[in-house]
Amino acid sequence: MSTITKVSIDGMTCGHCIDAVTEELKAINGVQGVAIELNKGGISTATVNSTGDLDPEQIGEAVAEAGYLVVAADA
């Protein structure tokens, strides 16, 4: 059974942003897929499918590694 986690991310503006965040999130153990709804100049939403619950701190670190900021995480 997979778990879906929605993450709100600030600062994303383009396809490169999506690629960077997707790559970092997919590197988290247990992540099976990532889909991002880009909202240029606003808050974008990442939907993360995983094999179990993810650590919000680990998600935040992955997004920060890509150069963006998690403004809210909803597990």
PDB file of N, CA and C in Angstrom:
ATOM      1  N   MET A   1       0.840  -1.183   0.000  1.00  0.00           N
ATOM      2  CA  MET A   1       0.000   0.000   0.000  1.00  0.00           C
ATOM      3  C   MET A   1       0.884   1.245   0.000  1.00  0.00           C
ATOM      4  N   SER A   2       0.518   2.200  -0.841  1.00  0.00           N
ATOM      5  CA  SER A   2       1.346   3.400  -0.906  1.00  0.00           C
ATOM      6  C   SER A   2       0.726   4.536  -0.099  1.00  0.00           C
ATOM      7  N   THR A   3       1.583   5.437   0.308  1.00  0.00           N
ATOM      8  CA  THR A   3       1.193   6.610   1.076  1.00  0.00           C
ATOM      9  C   THR A   3       1.386   7.833   0.200  1.00  0.00           C
ATOM     10  N   ILE A   4       0.443   8.764   0.263  1.00  0.00           N
ATOM     11  CA  ILE A   4       0.556  10.004  -0.493  1.00  0.00           C
ATOM     12  C   ILE A   4       0.785  11.157   0.481  1.00  0.00           C
ATOM     13  N   THR A   5       1.827  11.943   0.198  1.00  0.00           N
ATOM     14  CA  THR A   5       2.152  13.114   1.002  1.00  0.00           C
ATOM     15  C   THR A   5       2.119  14.329   0.095  1.00  0.00           C
ATOM     16  N   LYS A   6       1.403  15.364   0.505  1.00  0.00           N
ATOM     17  CA  LYS A   6       1.358  16.624  -0.261  1.00  0.00           C
ATOM     18  C   LYS A   6       2.250  17.640   0.436  1.00  0.00           C
ATOM     19  N   VAL A   7       3.056  18.332  -0.354  1.00  0.00           N
ATOM     20  CA  VAL A   7       4.003  19.301   0.187  1.00  0.00           C
ATOM     21  C   VAL A   7       3.850  20.615  -0.575  1.00  0.00           C
ATOM     22  N   SER A   8       3.709  21.717   0.150  1.00  0.00           N
ATOM     23  CA  SER A   8       3.633  23.044  -0.465  1.00  0.00           C
ATOM     24  C   SER A   8       5.034  23.652  -0.481  1.00  0.00           C
ATOM     25  N   ILE A   9       5.427  24.139  -1.665  1.00  0.00           N
ATOM     26  CA  ILE A   9       6.797  24.612  -1.862  1.00  0.00           C
ATOM     27  C   ILE A   9       6.774  26.020  -2.446  1.00  0.00           C
ATOM     28  N   ASP A  10       7.568  26.912  -1.866  1.00  0.00           N
ATOM     29  CA  ASP A  10       7.653  28.291  -2.321  1.00  0.00           C
ATOM     30  C   ASP A  10       8.916  28.488  -3.157  1.00  0.00           C
ATOM     31  N   GLY A  11       8.804  29.322  -4.200  1.00  0.00           N
ATOM     32  CA  GLY A  11       9.986  29.741  -4.951  1.00  0.00           C
ATOM     33  C   GLY A  11      10.191  29.058  -6.288  1.00  0.00           C
ATOM     34  N   MET A  12       9.349  28.106  -6.635  1.00  0.00           N
ATOM     35  CA  MET A  12       9.520  27.405  -7.905  1.00  0.00           C
ATOM     36  C   MET A  12       8.899  28.228  -9.034  1.00  0.00           C
ATOM     37  N   THR A  13       9.622  28.341 -10.180  1.00  0.00           N
ATOM     38  CA  THR A  13       9.134  29.175 -11.276  1.00  0.00           C
ATOM     39  C   THR A  13       9.183  28.515 -12.649  1.00  0.00           C
ATOM     40  N   CYS A  14       9.844  27.338 -12.779  1.00  0.00           N
ATOM     41  CA  CYS A  14      10.037  26.797 -14.126  1.00  0.00           C
ATOM     42  C   CYS A  14      10.230  25.282 -14.106  1.00  0.00           C
ATOM     43  N   GLY A  15      10.398  24.726 -15.284  1.00  0.00           N
ATOM     44  CA  GLY A  15      10.613  23.290 -15.425  1.00  0.00           C
ATOM     45  C   GLY A  15      11.882  22.818 -14.731  1.00  0.00           C
ATOM     46  N   HIS A  16      12.922  23.642 -14.738  1.00  0.00           N
ATOM     47  CA  HIS A  16      14.156  23.267 -14.048  1.00  0.00           C
ATOM     48  C   HIS A  16      13.902  23.105 -12.554  1.00  0.00           C
ATOM     49  N   CYS A  17      13.057  23.976 -12.003  1.00  0.00           N
ATOM     50  CA  CYS A  17      12.698  23.887 -10.586  1.00  0.00           C
ATOM     51  C   CYS A  17      12.041  22.532 -10.307  1.00  0.00           C
ATOM     52  N   ILE A  18      11.114  22.164 -11.176  1.00  0.00           N
ATOM     53  CA  ILE A  18      10.416  20.884 -11.021  1.00  0.00           C
ATOM     54  C   ILE A  18      11.409  19.736 -11.058  1.00  0.00           C
ATOM     55  N   ASP A  19      12.339  19.773 -12.027  1.00  0.00           N
ATOM     56  CA  ASP A  19      13.337  18.707 -12.157  1.00  0.00           C
ATOM     57  C   ASP A  19      14.211  18.601 -10.908  1.00  0.00           C
ATOM     58  N   ALA A  20      14.647  19.742 -10.393  1.00  0.00           N
ATOM     59  CA  ALA A  20      15.536  19.750  -9.223  1.00  0.00           C
ATOM     60  C   ALA A  20      14.838  19.188  -7.991  1.00  0.00           C
ATOM     61  N   VAL A  21      13.612  19.639  -7.742  1.00  0.00           N
ATOM     62  CA  VAL A  21      12.881  19.178  -6.567  1.00  0.00           C
ATOM     63  C   VAL A  21      12.518  17.696  -6.713  1.00  0.00           C
ATOM     64  N   THR A  22      12.081  17.300  -7.907  1.00  0.00           N
ATOM     65  CA  THR A  22      11.728  15.898  -8.150  1.00  0.00           C
ATOM     66  C   THR A  22      12.917  14.980  -7.888  1.00  0.00           C
ATOM     67  N   GLU A  23      14.081  15.369  -8.390  1.00  0.00           N
ATOM     68  CA  GLU A  23      15.290  14.558  -8.202  1.00  0.00           C
ATOM     69  C   GLU A  23      15.616  14.384  -6.720  1.00  0.00           C
ATOM     70  N   GLU A  24      15.555  15.477  -5.955  1.00  0.00           N
ATOM     71  CA  GLU A  24      15.872  15.400  -4.527  1.00  0.00           C
ATOM     72  C   GLU A  24      14.839  14.566  -3.761  1.00  0.00           C
ATOM     73  N   LEU A  25      13.559  14.737  -4.087  1.00  0.00           N
ATOM     74  CA  LEU A  25      12.525  13.970  -3.380  1.00  0.00           C
ATOM     75  C   LEU A  25      12.609  12.478  -3.715  1.00  0.00           C
ATOM     76  N   LYS A  26      12.913  12.162  -4.963  1.00  0.00           N
ATOM     77  CA  LYS A  26      13.021  10.747  -5.359  1.00  0.00           C
ATOM     78  C   LYS A  26      14.201  10.051  -4.683  1.00  0.00           C
ATOM     79  N   ALA A  27      15.172  10.841  -4.205  1.00  0.00           N
ATOM     80  CA  ALA A  27      16.341  10.268  -3.530  1.00  0.00           C
ATOM     81  C   ALA A  27      16.008   9.795  -2.107  1.00  0.00           C
ATOM     82  N   ILE A  28      14.843  10.194  -1.582  1.00  0.00           N
ATOM     83  CA  ILE A  28      14.447   9.770  -0.239  1.00  0.00           C
ATOM     84  C   ILE A  28      14.039   8.304  -0.288  1.00  0.00           C
ATOM     85  N   ASN A  29      14.535   7.529   0.653  1.00  0.00           N
ATOM     86  CA  ASN A  29      14.231   6.103   0.716  1.00  0.00           C
ATOM     87  C   ASN A  29      12.729   5.872   0.824  1.00  0.00           C
ATOM     88  N   GLY A  30      12.186   5.049  -0.052  1.00  0.00           N
ATOM     89  CA  GLY A  30      10.777   4.707  -0.011  1.00  0.00           C
ATOM     90  C   GLY A  30       9.912   5.494  -0.981  1.00  0.00           C
ATOM     91  N   VAL A  31      10.464   6.574  -1.560  1.00  0.00           N
ATOM     92  CA  VAL A  31       9.682   7.374  -2.509  1.00  0.00           C
ATOM     93  C   VAL A  31       9.584   6.631  -3.832  1.00  0.00           C
ATOM     94  N   GLN A  32       8.345   6.484  -4.314  1.00  0.00           N
ATOM     95  CA  GLN A  32       8.098   5.766  -5.559  1.00  0.00           C
ATOM     96  C   GLN A  32       7.830   6.702  -6.729  1.00  0.00           C
ATOM     97  N   GLY A  33       7.292   7.880  -6.445  1.00  0.00           N
ATOM     98  CA  GLY A  33       6.998   8.816  -7.517  1.00  0.00           C
ATOM     99  C   GLY A  33       6.710  10.203  -6.984  1.00  0.00           C
ATOM    100  N   VAL A  34       6.930  11.196  -7.839  1.00  0.00           N
ATOM    101  CA  VAL A  34       6.706  12.594  -7.465  1.00  0.00           C
ATOM    102  C   VAL A  34       5.992  13.289  -8.620  1.00  0.00           C
ATOM    103  N   ALA A  35       4.933  14.019  -8.301  1.00  0.00           N
ATOM    104  CA  ALA A  35       4.247  14.853  -9.295  1.00  0.00           C
ATOM    105  C   ALA A  35       4.166  16.263  -8.721  1.00  0.00           C
ATOM    106  N   ILE A  36       4.509  17.250  -9.542  1.00  0.00           N
ATOM    107  CA  ILE A  36       4.520  18.631  -9.062  1.00  0.00           C
ATOM    108  C   ILE A  36       3.582  19.490  -9.904  1.00  0.00           C
ATOM    109  N   GLU A  37       2.732  20.232  -9.202  1.00  0.00           N
ATOM    110  CA  GLU A  37       1.858  21.215  -9.840  1.00  0.00           C
ATOM    111  C   GLU A  37       2.510  22.570  -9.627  1.00  0.00           C
ATOM    112  N   LEU A  38       3.053  23.136 -10.712  1.00  0.00           N
ATOM    113  CA  LEU A  38       3.789  24.395 -10.634  1.00  0.00           C
ATOM    114  C   LEU A  38       2.837  25.582 -10.599  1.00  0.00           C
ATOM    115  N   ASN A  39       3.077  26.483  -9.650  1.00  0.00           N
ATOM    116  CA  ASN A  39       2.342  27.737  -9.556  1.00  0.00           C
ATOM    117  C   ASN A  39       3.391  28.839  -9.556  1.00  0.00           C
ATOM    118  N   LYS A  40       3.740  29.336 -10.751  1.00  0.00           N
ATOM    119  CA  LYS A  40       4.806  30.333 -10.895  1.00  0.00           C
ATOM    120  C   LYS A  40       4.534  31.546 -10.018  1.00  0.00           C
ATOM    121  N   GLY A  41       5.512  31.892  -9.199  1.00  0.00           N
ATOM    122  CA  GLY A  41       5.395  33.062  -8.347  1.00  0.00           C
ATOM    123  C   GLY A  41       4.524  32.846  -7.122  1.00  0.00           C
ATOM    124  N   GLY A  42       4.059  31.627  -6.934  1.00  0.00           N
ATOM    125  CA  GLY A  42       3.219  31.335  -5.779  1.00  0.00           C
ATOM    126  C   GLY A  42       3.673  30.055  -5.098  1.00  0.00           C
ATOM    127  N   ILE A  43       2.731  29.350  -4.526  1.00  0.00           N
ATOM    128  CA  ILE A  43       3.043  28.114  -3.815  1.00  0.00           C
ATOM    129  C   ILE A  43       2.731  26.929  -4.729  1.00  0.00           C
ATOM    130  N   SER A  44       3.752  26.147  -5.039  1.00  0.00           N
ATOM    131  CA  SER A  44       3.584  24.950  -5.855  1.00  0.00           C
ATOM    132  C   SER A  44       3.305  23.769  -4.938  1.00  0.00           C
ATOM    133  N   THR A  45       2.714  22.715  -5.496  1.00  0.00           N
ATOM    134  CA  THR A  45       2.379  21.539  -4.697  1.00  0.00           C
ATOM    135  C   THR A  45       3.061  20.297  -5.260  1.00  0.00           C
ATOM    136  N   ALA A  46       3.776  19.598  -4.392  1.00  0.00           N
ATOM    137  CA  ALA A  46       4.376  18.314  -4.760  1.00  0.00           C
ATOM    138  C   ALA A  46       3.545  17.206  -4.128  1.00  0.00           C
ATOM    139  N   THR A  47       3.184  16.227  -4.929  1.00  0.00           N
ATOM    140  CA  THR A  47       2.498  15.042  -4.438  1.00  0.00           C
ATOM    141  C   THR A  47       3.496  13.898  -4.502  1.00  0.00           C
ATOM    142  N   VAL A  48       3.804  13.327  -3.340  1.00  0.00           N
ATOM    143  CA  VAL A  48       4.838  12.299  -3.238  1.00  0.00           C
ATOM    144  C   VAL A  48       4.187  10.962  -2.884  1.00  0.00           C
ATOM    145  N   ASN A  49       4.399   9.950  -3.733  1.00  0.00           N
ATOM    146  CA  ASN A  49       3.928   8.593  -3.451  1.00  0.00           C
ATOM    147  C   ASN A  49       5.086   7.812  -2.849  1.00  0.00           C
ATOM    148  N   SER A  50       4.825   7.138  -1.726  1.00  0.00           N
ATOM    149  CA  SER A  50       5.897   6.405  -1.053  1.00  0.00           C
ATOM    150  C   SER A  50       5.351   5.109  -0.469  1.00  0.00           C
ATOM    151  N   THR A  51       6.265   4.259  -0.056  1.00  0.00           N
ATOM    152  CA  THR A  51       5.889   2.962   0.512  1.00  0.00           C
ATOM    153  C   THR A  51       5.410   3.076   1.946  1.00  0.00           C
ATOM    154  N   GLY A  52       5.605   4.223   2.570  1.00  0.00           N
ATOM    155  CA  GLY A  52       5.174   4.442   3.949  1.00  0.00           C
ATOM    156  C   GLY A  52       5.257   5.915   4.291  1.00  0.00           C
ATOM    157  N   ASP A  53       5.001   6.236   5.553  1.00  0.00           N
ATOM    158  CA  ASP A  53       5.064   7.626   5.991  1.00  0.00           C
ATOM    159  C   ASP A  53       6.479   8.170   5.831  1.00  0.00           C
ATOM    160  N   LEU A  54       6.573   9.422   5.410  1.00  0.00           N
ATOM    161  CA  LEU A  54       7.861  10.082   5.245  1.00  0.00           C
ATOM    162  C   LEU A  54       8.084  11.065   6.384  1.00  0.00           C
ATOM    163  N   ASP A  55       9.336  11.254   6.741  1.00  0.00           N
ATOM    164  CA  ASP A  55       9.717  12.201   7.780  1.00  0.00           C
ATOM    165  C   ASP A  55       9.639  13.617   7.204  1.00  0.00           C
ATOM    166  N   PRO A  56       8.778  14.477   7.767  1.00  0.00           N
ATOM    167  CA  PRO A  56       8.655  15.838   7.245  1.00  0.00           C
ATOM    168  C   PRO A  56       9.985  16.592   7.211  1.00  0.00           C
ATOM    169  N   GLU A  57      10.846  16.317   8.181  1.00  0.00           N
ATOM    170  CA  GLU A  57      12.156  16.978   8.214  1.00  0.00           C
ATOM    171  C   GLU A  57      12.996  16.549   7.015  1.00  0.00           C
ATOM    172  N   GLN A  58      12.908  15.274   6.659  1.00  0.00           N
ATOM    173  CA  GLN A  58      13.659  14.755   5.522  1.00  0.00           C
ATOM    174  C   GLN A  58      13.136  15.370   4.213  1.00  0.00           C
ATOM    175  N   ILE A  59      11.818  15.545   4.119  1.00  0.00           N
ATOM    176  CA  ILE A  59      11.232  16.191   2.943  1.00  0.00           C
ATOM    177  C   ILE A  59      11.726  17.627   2.848  1.00  0.00           C
ATOM    178  N   GLY A  60      11.683  18.346   3.969  1.00  0.00           N
ATOM    179  CA  GLY A  60      12.154  19.734   3.999  1.00  0.00           C
ATOM    180  C   GLY A  60      13.603  19.864   3.595  1.00  0.00           C
ATOM    181  N   GLU A  61      14.437  18.943   4.065  1.00  0.00           N
ATOM    182  CA  GLU A  61      15.861  18.975   3.724  1.00  0.00           C
ATOM    183  C   GLU A  61      16.071  18.716   2.237  1.00  0.00           C
ATOM    184  N   ALA A  62      15.303  17.785   1.670  1.00  0.00           N
ATOM    185  CA  ALA A  62      15.427  17.477   0.243  1.00  0.00           C
ATOM    186  C   ALA A  62      15.036  18.684  -0.606  1.00  0.00           C
ATOM    187  N   VAL A  63      13.939  19.340  -0.240  1.00  0.00           N
ATOM    188  CA  VAL A  63      13.485  20.515  -0.985  1.00  0.00           C
ATOM    189  C   VAL A  63      14.491  21.650  -0.835  1.00  0.00           C
ATOM    190  N   ALA A  64      15.038  21.825   0.368  1.00  0.00           N
ATOM    191  CA  ALA A  64      16.046  22.866   0.602  1.00  0.00           C
ATOM    192  C   ALA A  64      17.310  22.589  -0.202  1.00  0.00           C
ATOM    193  N   GLU A  65      17.667  21.323  -0.332  1.00  0.00           N
ATOM    194  CA  GLU A  65      18.850  20.932  -1.117  1.00  0.00           C
ATOM    195  C   GLU A  65      18.684  21.363  -2.575  1.00  0.00           C
ATOM    196  N   ALA A  66      17.438  21.342  -3.047  1.00  0.00           N
ATOM    197  CA  ALA A  66      17.154  21.773  -4.420  1.00  0.00           C
ATOM    198  C   ALA A  66      17.080  23.306  -4.517  1.00  0.00           C
ATOM    199  N   GLY A  67      17.063  23.994  -3.366  1.00  0.00           N
ATOM    200  CA  GLY A  67      17.096  25.444  -3.369  1.00  0.00           C
ATOM    201  C   GLY A  67      15.759  26.126  -3.118  1.00  0.00           C
ATOM    202  N   TYR A  68      14.816  25.364  -2.555  1.00  0.00           N
ATOM    203  CA  TYR A  68      13.465  25.909  -2.327  1.00  0.00           C
ATOM    204  C   TYR A  68      13.044  25.708  -0.882  1.00  0.00           C
ATOM    205  N   LEU A  69      11.862  26.196  -0.547  1.00  0.00           N
ATOM    206  CA  LEU A  69      11.409  26.185   0.843  1.00  0.00           C
ATOM    207  C   LEU A  69      10.047  25.526   0.968  1.00  0.00           C
ATOM    208  N   VAL A  70       9.956  24.550   1.883  1.00  0.00           N
ATOM    209  CA  VAL A  70       8.652  23.951   2.187  1.00  0.00           C
ATOM    210  C   VAL A  70       7.926  24.924   3.092  1.00  0.00           C
ATOM    211  N   VAL A  71       6.710  25.313   2.707  1.00  0.00           N
ATOM    212  CA  VAL A  71       5.947  26.231   3.525  1.00  0.00           C
ATOM    213  C   VAL A  71       4.895  25.496   4.336  1.00  0.00           C
ATOM    214  N   ALA A  72       4.575  24.273   3.930  1.00  0.00           N
ATOM    215  CA  ALA A  72       3.636  23.441   4.703  1.00  0.00           C
ATOM    216  C   ALA A  72       3.775  22.018   4.189  1.00  0.00           C
ATOM    217  N   ALA A  73       3.648  21.066   5.088  1.00  0.00           N
ATOM    218  CA  ALA A  73       3.672  19.654   4.695  1.00  0.00           C
ATOM    219  C   ALA A  73       2.460  18.995   5.302  1.00  0.00           C
ATOM    220  N   ASP A  74       1.779  18.211   4.512  1.00  0.00           N
ATOM    221  CA  ASP A  74       0.565  17.533   4.961  1.00  0.00           C
ATOM    222  C   ASP A  74       0.744  16.043   4.721  1.00  0.00           C
ATOM    223  N   ALA A  75       1.046  15.319   5.778  1.00  0.00           N
ATOM    224  CA  ALA A  75       1.321  13.884   5.637  1.00  0.00           C
ATOM    225  C   ALA A  75       0.017  13.080   5.591  1.00  0.00           C
TER     226      ALA A  75
END
